[in-house]
Structures are given as C-alpha cells and as structure tokens.
Full PDB file with SEQRES, HELIX, SHEET, SSBOND, CRYST1, ORIGX, SCALE, CONECT and MASTER records, all heavy atoms in Angstrom:
SEQRES   1 A   32  LEU TRP PRO GLU ASP PRO ARG LEU PRO GLN PRO PHE ARG          
SEQRES   2 A   32  SER ALA LEU ALA ASP LEU GLY ALA GLU ILE ALA PRO PHE          
SEQRES   3 A   32  GLU SER ARG HIS PHE GLY                                      
HELIX    1 AA1 GLN A   10  ASP A   18  1                                   9    
CRYST1    1.000    1.000    1.000  90.00  90.00  90.00 P 1           1          
ORIGX1      1.000000  0.000000  0.000000        0.00000                         
ORIGX2      0.000000  1.000000  0.000000        0.00000                         
ORIGX3      0.000000  0.000000  1.000000        0.00000                         
SCALE1      1.000000  0.000000  0.000000        0.00000                         
SCALE2      0.000000  1.000000  0.000000        0.00000                         
SCALE3      0.000000  0.000000  1.000000        0.00000                         
ATOM      1  N   LEU A   1       0.811  -1.221   0.000  1.00  0.00           N  
ATOM      2  CA  LEU A   1       0.000   0.000   0.000  1.00  0.00           C  
ATOM      3  C   LEU A   1       0.845   1.272   0.000  1.00  0.00           C  
ATOM      4  O   LEU A   1       0.306   2.373   0.054  1.00  0.00           O  
ATOM      5  CB  LEU A   1      -0.949  -0.007   1.206  1.00  0.00           C  
ATOM      6  CG  LEU A   1      -1.936  -1.181   1.231  1.00  0.00           C  
ATOM      7  CD1 LEU A   1      -2.793  -1.131   2.495  1.00  0.00           C  
ATOM      8  CD2 LEU A   1      -2.805  -1.181  -0.011  1.00  0.00           C  
ATOM      9  N   TRP A   2       2.167   1.101  -0.047  1.00  0.00           N  
ATOM     10  CA  TRP A   2       3.084   2.243  -0.056  1.00  0.00           C  
ATOM     11  C   TRP A   2       3.989   2.173  -1.285  1.00  0.00           C  
ATOM     12  O   TRP A   2       4.772   1.236  -1.419  1.00  0.00           O  
ATOM     13  CB  TRP A   2       3.951   2.236   1.210  1.00  0.00           C  
ATOM     14  CG  TRP A   2       3.163   2.522   2.433  1.00  0.00           C  
ATOM     15  CD1 TRP A   2       2.652   1.621   3.313  1.00  0.00           C  
ATOM     16  CD2 TRP A   2       2.768   3.806   2.905  1.00  0.00           C  
ATOM     17  NE1 TRP A   2       1.956   2.255   4.305  1.00  0.00           N  
ATOM     18  CE2 TRP A   2       2.011   3.609   4.079  1.00  0.00           C  
ATOM     19  CE3 TRP A   2       2.966   5.099   2.454  1.00  0.00           C  
ATOM     20  CZ2 TRP A   2       1.465   4.657   4.802  1.00  0.00           C  
ATOM     21  CZ3 TRP A   2       2.420   6.141   3.175  1.00  0.00           C  
ATOM     22  CH2 TRP A   2       1.677   5.917   4.338  1.00  0.00           C  
ATOM     23  N   PRO A   3       3.935   3.171  -2.176  1.00  0.00           N  
ATOM     24  CA  PRO A   3       4.831   3.150  -3.337  1.00  0.00           C  
ATOM     25  C   PRO A   3       6.283   3.423  -2.939  1.00  0.00           C  
ATOM     26  O   PRO A   3       7.197   3.018  -3.642  1.00  0.00           O  
ATOM     27  CB  PRO A   3       4.284   4.252  -4.240  1.00  0.00           C  
ATOM     28  CG  PRO A   3       3.507   5.141  -3.346  1.00  0.00           C  
ATOM     29  CD  PRO A   3       2.991   4.268  -2.231  1.00  0.00           C  
ATOM     30  N   GLU A   4       6.492   4.119  -1.815  1.00  0.00           N  
ATOM     31  CA  GLU A   4       7.827   4.394  -1.283  1.00  0.00           C  
ATOM     32  C   GLU A   4       7.864   3.975   0.176  1.00  0.00           C  
ATOM     33  O   GLU A   4       6.829   3.859   0.828  1.00  0.00           O  
ATOM     34  CB  GLU A   4       8.164   5.880  -1.418  1.00  0.00           C  
ATOM     35  CG  GLU A   4       8.234   6.345  -2.871  1.00  0.00           C  
ATOM     36  CD  GLU A   4       8.579   7.818  -2.984  1.00  0.00           C  
ATOM     37  OE1 GLU A   4       9.242   8.352  -2.083  1.00  0.00           O  
ATOM     38  OE2 GLU A   4       8.170   8.428  -3.985  1.00  0.00           O  
ATOM     39  N   ASP A   5       9.041   3.780   0.701  1.00  0.00           N  
ATOM     40  CA  ASP A   5       9.218   3.385   2.100  1.00  0.00           C  
ATOM     41  C   ASP A   5       8.754   4.525   3.012  1.00  0.00           C  
ATOM     42  O   ASP A   5       9.318   5.622   2.978  1.00  0.00           O  
ATOM     43  CB  ASP A   5      10.701   3.070   2.352  1.00  0.00           C  
ATOM     44  CG  ASP A   5      10.954   2.441   3.709  1.00  0.00           C  
ATOM     45  OD1 ASP A   5      10.072   2.524   4.596  1.00  0.00           O  
ATOM     46  OD2 ASP A   5      12.044   1.873   3.888  1.00  0.00           O  
ATOM     47  N   PRO A   6       7.730   4.295   3.849  1.00  0.00           N  
ATOM     48  CA  PRO A   6       7.218   5.360   4.709  1.00  0.00           C  
ATOM     49  C   PRO A   6       7.961   5.504   6.042  1.00  0.00           C  
ATOM     50  O   PRO A   6       7.648   6.394   6.829  1.00  0.00           O  
ATOM     51  CB  PRO A   6       5.767   4.933   4.952  1.00  0.00           C  
ATOM     52  CG  PRO A   6       5.849   3.436   4.970  1.00  0.00           C  
ATOM     53  CD  PRO A   6       6.892   3.092   3.920  1.00  0.00           C  
ATOM     54  N   ARG A   7       8.928   4.643   6.299  1.00  0.00           N  
ATOM     55  CA  ARG A   7       9.585   4.662   7.613  1.00  0.00           C  
ATOM     56  C   ARG A   7      10.404   5.927   7.835  1.00  0.00           C  
ATOM     57  O   ARG A   7      10.896   6.548   6.902  1.00  0.00           O  
ATOM     58  CB  ARG A   7      10.475   3.432   7.776  1.00  0.00           C  
ATOM     59  CG  ARG A   7       9.675   2.138   7.895  1.00  0.00           C  
ATOM     60  CD  ARG A   7      10.567   0.946   8.001  1.00  0.00           C  
ATOM     61  NE  ARG A   7      11.264   0.782   6.713  1.00  0.00           N  
ATOM     62  CZ  ARG A   7      12.048  -0.243   6.420  1.00  0.00           C  
ATOM     63  NH1 ARG A   7      12.250  -1.198   7.304  1.00  0.00           N  
ATOM     64  NH2 ARG A   7      12.622  -0.322   5.242  1.00  0.00           N  
ATOM     65  N   LEU A   8      10.547   6.253   9.099  1.00  0.00           N  
ATOM     66  CA  LEU A   8      11.352   7.415   9.502  1.00  0.00           C  
ATOM     67  C   LEU A   8      12.824   7.161   9.193  1.00  0.00           C  
ATOM     68  O   LEU A   8      13.330   6.080   9.509  1.00  0.00           O  
ATOM     69  CB  LEU A   8      11.188   7.667  11.008  1.00  0.00           C  
ATOM     70  CG  LEU A   8       9.778   8.034  11.469  1.00  0.00           C  
ATOM     71  CD1 LEU A   8       9.643   7.806  12.962  1.00  0.00           C  
ATOM     72  CD2 LEU A   8       9.477   9.473  11.107  1.00  0.00           C  
ATOM     73  N   PRO A   9      13.524   8.135   8.623  1.00  0.00           N  
ATOM     74  CA  PRO A   9      14.970   7.983   8.413  1.00  0.00           C  
ATOM     75  C   PRO A   9      15.706   7.888   9.751  1.00  0.00           C  
ATOM     76  O   PRO A   9      15.253   8.414  10.776  1.00  0.00           O  
ATOM     77  CB  PRO A   9      15.363   9.256   7.668  1.00  0.00           C  
ATOM     78  CG  PRO A   9      14.090   9.777   7.085  1.00  0.00           C  
ATOM     79  CD  PRO A   9      13.009   9.358   8.036  1.00  0.00           C  
ATOM     80  N   GLN A  10      16.850   7.248   9.740  1.00  0.00           N  
ATOM     81  CA  GLN A  10      17.607   6.986  10.970  1.00  0.00           C  
ATOM     82  C   GLN A  10      17.879   8.230  11.825  1.00  0.00           C  
ATOM     83  O   GLN A  10      17.698   8.172  13.039  1.00  0.00           O  
ATOM     84  CB  GLN A  10      18.916   6.258  10.653  1.00  0.00           C  
ATOM     85  CG  GLN A  10      19.692   5.833  11.887  1.00  0.00           C  
ATOM     86  CD  GLN A  10      18.852   5.014  12.866  1.00  0.00           C  
ATOM     87  OE1 GLN A  10      18.158   4.098  12.485  1.00  0.00           O  
ATOM     88  NE2 GLN A  10      18.897   5.362  14.141  1.00  0.00           N  
ATOM     89  N   PRO A  11      18.302   9.347  11.263  1.00  0.00           N  
ATOM     90  CA  PRO A  11      18.556  10.494  12.142  1.00  0.00           C  
ATOM     91  C   PRO A  11      17.329  10.912  12.950  1.00  0.00           C  
ATOM     92  O   PRO A  11      17.440  11.323  14.106  1.00  0.00           O  
ATOM     93  CB  PRO A  11      18.991  11.602  11.182  1.00  0.00           C  
ATOM     94  CG  PRO A  11      19.465  10.897   9.959  1.00  0.00           C  
ATOM     95  CD  PRO A  11      18.658   9.637   9.872  1.00  0.00           C  
ATOM     96  N   PHE A  12      16.152  10.786  12.347  1.00  0.00           N  
ATOM     97  CA  PHE A  12      14.924  11.150  13.050  1.00  0.00           C  
ATOM     98  C   PHE A  12      14.566  10.101  14.097  1.00  0.00           C  
ATOM     99  O   PHE A  12      14.086  10.431  15.183  1.00  0.00           O  
ATOM    100  CB  PHE A  12      13.780  11.352  12.048  1.00  0.00           C  
ATOM    101  CG  PHE A  12      13.975  12.566  11.193  1.00  0.00           C  
ATOM    102  CD1 PHE A  12      14.684  12.483  10.011  1.00  0.00           C  
ATOM    103  CD2 PHE A  12      13.479  13.795  11.587  1.00  0.00           C  
ATOM    104  CE1 PHE A  12      14.885  13.604   9.222  1.00  0.00           C  
ATOM    105  CE2 PHE A  12      13.672  14.920  10.818  1.00  0.00           C  
ATOM    106  CZ  PHE A  12      14.385  14.834   9.635  1.00  0.00           C  
ATOM    107  N   ARG A  13      14.793   8.846  13.788  1.00  0.00           N  
ATOM    108  CA  ARG A  13      14.554   7.772  14.758  1.00  0.00           C  
ATOM    109  C   ARG A  13      15.421   7.994  15.996  1.00  0.00           C  
ATOM    110  O   ARG A  13      14.956   7.881  17.132  1.00  0.00           O  
ATOM    111  CB  ARG A  13      14.861   6.410  14.147  1.00  0.00           C  
ATOM    112  CG  ARG A  13      14.026   6.060  12.936  1.00  0.00           C  
ATOM    113  CD  ARG A  13      14.498   4.766  12.284  1.00  0.00           C  
ATOM    114  NE  ARG A  13      14.040   3.628  13.058  1.00  0.00           N  
ATOM    115  CZ  ARG A  13      12.800   3.155  13.037  1.00  0.00           C  
ATOM    116  NH1 ARG A  13      11.902   3.715  12.267  1.00  0.00           N  
ATOM    117  NH2 ARG A  13      12.453   2.123  13.762  1.00  0.00           N  
ATOM    118  N   SER A  14      16.683   8.312  15.777  1.00  0.00           N  
ATOM    119  CA  SER A  14      17.612   8.544  16.889  1.00  0.00           C  
ATOM    120  C   SER A  14      17.194   9.756  17.709  1.00  0.00           C  
ATOM    121  O   SER A  14      17.218   9.717  18.938  1.00  0.00           O  
ATOM    122  CB  SER A  14      19.037   8.738  16.363  1.00  0.00           C  
ATOM    123  OG  SER A  14      19.497   7.574  15.731  1.00  0.00           O  
ATOM    124  N   ALA A  15      16.813  10.831  17.020  1.00  0.00           N  
ATOM    125  CA  ALA A  15      16.400  12.044  17.738  1.00  0.00           C  
ATOM    126  C   ALA A  15      15.153  11.774  18.582  1.00  0.00           C  
ATOM    127  O   ALA A  15      15.063  12.222  19.734  1.00  0.00           O  
ATOM    128  CB  ALA A  15      16.152  13.177  16.757  1.00  0.00           C  
ATOM    129  N   LEU A  16      14.195  11.044  18.027  1.00  0.00           N  
ATOM    130  CA  LEU A  16      12.989  10.720  18.790  1.00  0.00           C  
ATOM    131  C   LEU A  16      13.324   9.858  20.005  1.00  0.00           C  
ATOM    132  O   LEU A  16      12.793  10.085  21.103  1.00  0.00           O  
ATOM    133  CB  LEU A  16      11.963  10.029  17.896  1.00  0.00           C  
ATOM    134  CG  LEU A  16      11.264  10.952  16.904  1.00  0.00           C  
ATOM    135  CD1 LEU A  16      10.546  10.154  15.824  1.00  0.00           C  
ATOM    136  CD2 LEU A  16      10.290  11.866  17.633  1.00  0.00           C  
ATOM    137  N   ALA A  17      14.207   8.885  19.836  1.00  0.00           N  
ATOM    138  CA  ALA A  17      14.620   8.040  20.966  1.00  0.00           C  
ATOM    139  C   ALA A  17      15.310   8.888  22.031  1.00  0.00           C  
ATOM    140  O   ALA A  17      15.058   8.711  23.230  1.00  0.00           O  
ATOM    141  CB  ALA A  17      15.535   6.922  20.484  1.00  0.00           C  
ATOM    142  N   ASP A  18      16.159   9.821  21.609  1.00  0.00           N  
ATOM    143  CA  ASP A  18      16.834  10.704  22.561  1.00  0.00           C  
ATOM    144  C   ASP A  18      15.844  11.562  23.343  1.00  0.00           C  
ATOM    145  O   ASP A  18      16.113  11.954  24.477  1.00  0.00           O  
ATOM    146  CB  ASP A  18      17.835  11.614  21.845  1.00  0.00           C  
ATOM    147  CG  ASP A  18      19.047  10.860  21.315  1.00  0.00           C  
ATOM    148  OD1 ASP A  18      19.267   9.691  21.714  1.00  0.00           O  
ATOM    149  OD2 ASP A  18      19.778  11.449  20.477  1.00  0.00           O  
ATOM    150  N   LEU A  19      14.703  11.848  22.734  1.00  0.00           N  
ATOM    151  CA  LEU A  19      13.661  12.634  23.392  1.00  0.00           C  
ATOM    152  C   LEU A  19      12.689  11.758  24.184  1.00  0.00           C  
ATOM    153  O   LEU A  19      11.693  12.251  24.711  1.00  0.00           O  
ATOM    154  CB  LEU A  19      12.905  13.471  22.359  1.00  0.00           C  
ATOM    155  CG  LEU A  19      13.718  14.609  21.741  1.00  0.00           C  
ATOM    156  CD1 LEU A  19      13.027  15.141  20.487  1.00  0.00           C  
ATOM    157  CD2 LEU A  19      13.948  15.713  22.761  1.00  0.00           C  
ATOM    158  N   GLY A  20      12.955  10.463  24.243  1.00  0.00           N  
ATOM    159  CA  GLY A  20      12.143   9.563  25.051  1.00  0.00           C  
ATOM    160  C   GLY A  20      10.942   8.973  24.342  1.00  0.00           C  
ATOM    161  O   GLY A  20      10.114   8.318  24.977  1.00  0.00           O  
ATOM    162  N   ALA A  21      10.828   9.184  23.043  1.00  0.00           N  
ATOM    163  CA  ALA A  21       9.702   8.612  22.305  1.00  0.00           C  
ATOM    164  C   ALA A  21      10.012   7.165  21.927  1.00  0.00           C  
ATOM    165  O   ALA A  21      11.172   6.795  21.757  1.00  0.00           O  
ATOM    166  CB  ALA A  21       9.422   9.427  21.042  1.00  0.00           C  
ATOM    167  N   GLU A  22       8.977   6.381  21.791  1.00  0.00           N  
ATOM    168  CA  GLU A  22       9.120   4.991  21.383  1.00  0.00           C  
ATOM    169  C   GLU A  22       8.504   4.828  19.992  1.00  0.00           C  
ATOM    170  O   GLU A  22       7.335   5.159  19.788  1.00  0.00           O  
ATOM    171  CB  GLU A  22       8.410   4.076  22.378  1.00  0.00           C  
ATOM    172  CG  GLU A  22       8.555   2.615  22.064  1.00  0.00           C  
ATOM    173  CD  GLU A  22       7.924   1.734  23.129  1.00  0.00           C  
ATOM    174  OE1 GLU A  22       8.116   2.006  24.330  1.00  0.00           O  
ATOM    175  OE2 GLU A  22       7.234   0.763  22.747  1.00  0.00           O  
ATOM    176  N   ILE A  23       9.309   4.358  19.039  1.00  0.00           N  
ATOM    177  CA  ILE A  23       8.808   4.091  17.696  1.00  0.00           C  
ATOM    178  C   ILE A  23       8.022   2.782  17.744  1.00  0.00           C  
ATOM    179  O   ILE A  23       8.517   1.766  18.225  1.00  0.00           O  
ATOM    180  CB  ILE A  23       9.962   3.957  16.674  1.00  0.00           C  
ATOM    181  CG1 ILE A  23      10.880   5.176  16.715  1.00  0.00           C  
ATOM    182  CG2 ILE A  23       9.408   3.716  15.269  1.00  0.00           C  
ATOM    183  CD1 ILE A  23      10.268   6.453  16.277  1.00  0.00           C  
ATOM    184  N   ALA A  24       6.779   2.829  17.243  1.00  0.00           N  
ATOM    185  CA  ALA A  24       5.893   1.667  17.280  1.00  0.00           C  
ATOM    186  C   ALA A  24       5.466   1.316  15.850  1.00  0.00           C  
ATOM    187  O   ALA A  24       4.575   1.949  15.286  1.00  0.00           O  
ATOM    188  CB  ALA A  24       4.676   1.984  18.147  1.00  0.00           C  
ATOM    189  N   PRO A  25       6.128   0.318  15.230  1.00  0.00           N  
ATOM    190  CA  PRO A  25       5.796  -0.034  13.845  1.00  0.00           C  
ATOM    191  C   PRO A  25       4.427  -0.699  13.727  1.00  0.00           C  
ATOM    192  O   PRO A  25       3.997  -1.408  14.627  1.00  0.00           O  
ATOM    193  CB  PRO A  25       6.910  -0.996  13.455  1.00  0.00           C  
ATOM    194  CG  PRO A  25       7.491  -1.495  14.722  1.00  0.00           C  
ATOM    195  CD  PRO A  25       7.199  -0.493  15.788  1.00  0.00           C  
ATOM    196  N   PHE A  26       3.770  -0.436  12.595  1.00  0.00           N  
ATOM    197  CA  PHE A  26       2.511  -1.127  12.304  1.00  0.00           C  
ATOM    198  C   PHE A  26       2.406  -1.371  10.805  1.00  0.00           C  
ATOM    199  O   PHE A  26       3.002  -0.664  10.005  1.00  0.00           O  
ATOM    200  CB  PHE A  26       1.294  -0.342  12.815  1.00  0.00           C  
ATOM    201  CG  PHE A  26       1.009   0.936  12.075  1.00  0.00           C  
ATOM    202  CD1 PHE A  26       0.130   0.945  10.996  1.00  0.00           C  
ATOM    203  CD2 PHE A  26       1.599   2.130  12.449  1.00  0.00           C  
ATOM    204  CE1 PHE A  26      -0.144   2.121  10.313  1.00  0.00           C  
ATOM    205  CE2 PHE A  26       1.331   3.311  11.784  1.00  0.00           C  
ATOM    206  CZ  PHE A  26       0.452   3.306  10.708  1.00  0.00           C  
ATOM    207  N   GLU A  27       1.654  -2.386  10.444  1.00  0.00           N  
ATOM    208  CA  GLU A  27       1.432  -2.736   9.047  1.00  0.00           C  
ATOM    209  C   GLU A  27       0.179  -2.022   8.538  1.00  0.00           C  
ATOM    210  O   GLU A  27      -0.848  -2.008   9.214  1.00  0.00           O  
ATOM    211  CB  GLU A  27       1.236  -4.248   8.912  1.00  0.00           C  
ATOM    212  CG  GLU A  27       2.402  -5.015   9.460  1.00  0.00           C  
ATOM    213  CD  GLU A  27       3.005  -5.950   8.443  1.00  0.00           C  
ATOM    214  OE1 GLU A  27       2.515  -6.015   7.307  1.00  0.00           O  
ATOM    215  OE2 GLU A  27       3.983  -6.604   8.820  1.00  0.00           O  
ATOM    216  N   SER A  28       0.277  -1.438   7.380  1.00  0.00           N  
ATOM    217  CA  SER A  28      -0.883  -0.814   6.732  1.00  0.00           C  
ATOM    218  C   SER A  28      -1.628  -1.902   5.977  1.00  0.00           C  
ATOM    219  O   SER A  28      -1.174  -2.381   4.953  1.00  0.00           O  
ATOM    220  CB  SER A  28      -0.429   0.281   5.773  1.00  0.00           C  
ATOM    221  OG  SER A  28       0.228   1.297   6.469  1.00  0.00           O  
ATOM    222  N   ARG A  29      -2.756  -2.300   6.511  1.00  0.00           N  
ATOM    223  CA  ARG A  29      -3.527  -3.382   5.899  1.00  0.00           C  
ATOM    224  C   ARG A  29      -4.663  -2.872   5.011  1.00  0.00           C  
ATOM    225  O   ARG A  29      -5.147  -3.593   4.154  1.00  0.00           O  
ATOM    226  CB  ARG A  29      -4.098  -4.285   6.981  1.00  0.00           C  
ATOM    227  CG  ARG A  29      -3.021  -4.929   7.830  1.00  0.00           C  
ATOM    228  CD  ARG A  29      -3.634  -5.886   8.848  1.00  0.00           C  
ATOM    229  NE  ARG A  29      -2.690  -6.306   9.854  1.00  0.00           N  
ATOM    230  CZ  ARG A  29      -1.749  -7.212   9.684  1.00  0.00           C  
ATOM    231  NH1 ARG A  29      -1.611  -7.786   8.512  1.00  0.00           N  
ATOM    232  NH2 ARG A  29      -0.942  -7.546  10.670  1.00  0.00           N  
ATOM    233  N   HIS A  30      -5.107  -1.627   5.263  1.00  0.00           N  
ATOM    234  CA  HIS A  30      -6.276  -1.129   4.547  1.00  0.00           C  
ATOM    235  C   HIS A  30      -6.070   0.218   3.860  1.00  0.00           C  
ATOM    236  O   HIS A  30      -6.732   0.490   2.870  1.00  0.00           O  
ATOM    237  CB  HIS A  30      -7.464  -1.004   5.498  1.00  0.00           C  
ATOM    238  CG  HIS A  30      -7.801  -2.274   6.190  1.00  0.00           C  
ATOM    239  ND1 HIS A  30      -8.455  -3.318   5.563  1.00  0.00           N  
ATOM    240  CD2 HIS A  30      -7.545  -2.705   7.445  1.00  0.00           C  
ATOM    241  CE1 HIS A  30      -8.593  -4.323   6.406  1.00  0.00           C  
ATOM    242  NE2 HIS A  30      -8.052  -3.977   7.557  1.00  0.00           N  
ATOM    243  N   PHE A  31      -5.202   1.075   4.376  1.00  0.00           N  
ATOM    244  CA  PHE A  31      -5.160   2.446   3.894  1.00  0.00           C  
ATOM    245  C   PHE A  31      -3.855   2.794   3.179  1.00  0.00           C  
ATOM    246  O   PHE A  31      -3.848   2.980   1.984  1.00  0.00           O  
ATOM    247  CB  PHE A  31      -5.421   3.414   5.047  1.00  0.00           C  
ATOM    248  CG  PHE A  31      -6.759   3.199   5.684  1.00  0.00           C  
ATOM    249  CD1 PHE A  31      -6.860   2.606   6.930  1.00  0.00           C  
ATOM    250  CD2 PHE A  31      -7.927   3.553   5.026  1.00  0.00           C  
ATOM    251  CE1 PHE A  31      -8.095   2.393   7.518  1.00  0.00           C  
ATOM    252  CE2 PHE A  31      -9.167   3.343   5.602  1.00  0.00           C  
ATOM    253  CZ  PHE A  31      -9.250   2.760   6.857  1.00  0.00           C  
ATOM    254  N   GLY A  32      -2.758   2.933   3.887  1.00  0.00           N  
ATOM    255  CA  GLY A  32      -1.478   3.262   3.268  1.00  0.00           C  
ATOM    256  C   GLY A  32      -1.453   4.638   2.645  1.00  0.00           C  
ATOM    257  O   GLY A  32      -2.089   5.572   3.122  1.00  0.00           O  
TER     258      GLY A  32                                                      
MASTER        0    0    0    1    0    0    0    6  257    1    0    3          
END                                                                             
C-alpha cells in the first residue's frame, strides 16, 4: 500500500529516541 518506504529515516529515529519517544511499527492493511 506504499509506493515508497514510509519509515522514519535513521537520524529522526535517533532524535525521537533521545527525546524519550518509542517508535511503534505497524502494518498498513487497509489504507497506506
């Protein structure tokens, strides 16, 4: 359902982790 990879790039993942956020992956089954 995604023509391009929708995941967060690594620098943003690291910054969010440094700010105490937890990345929670999910599969797009219906929308995308």
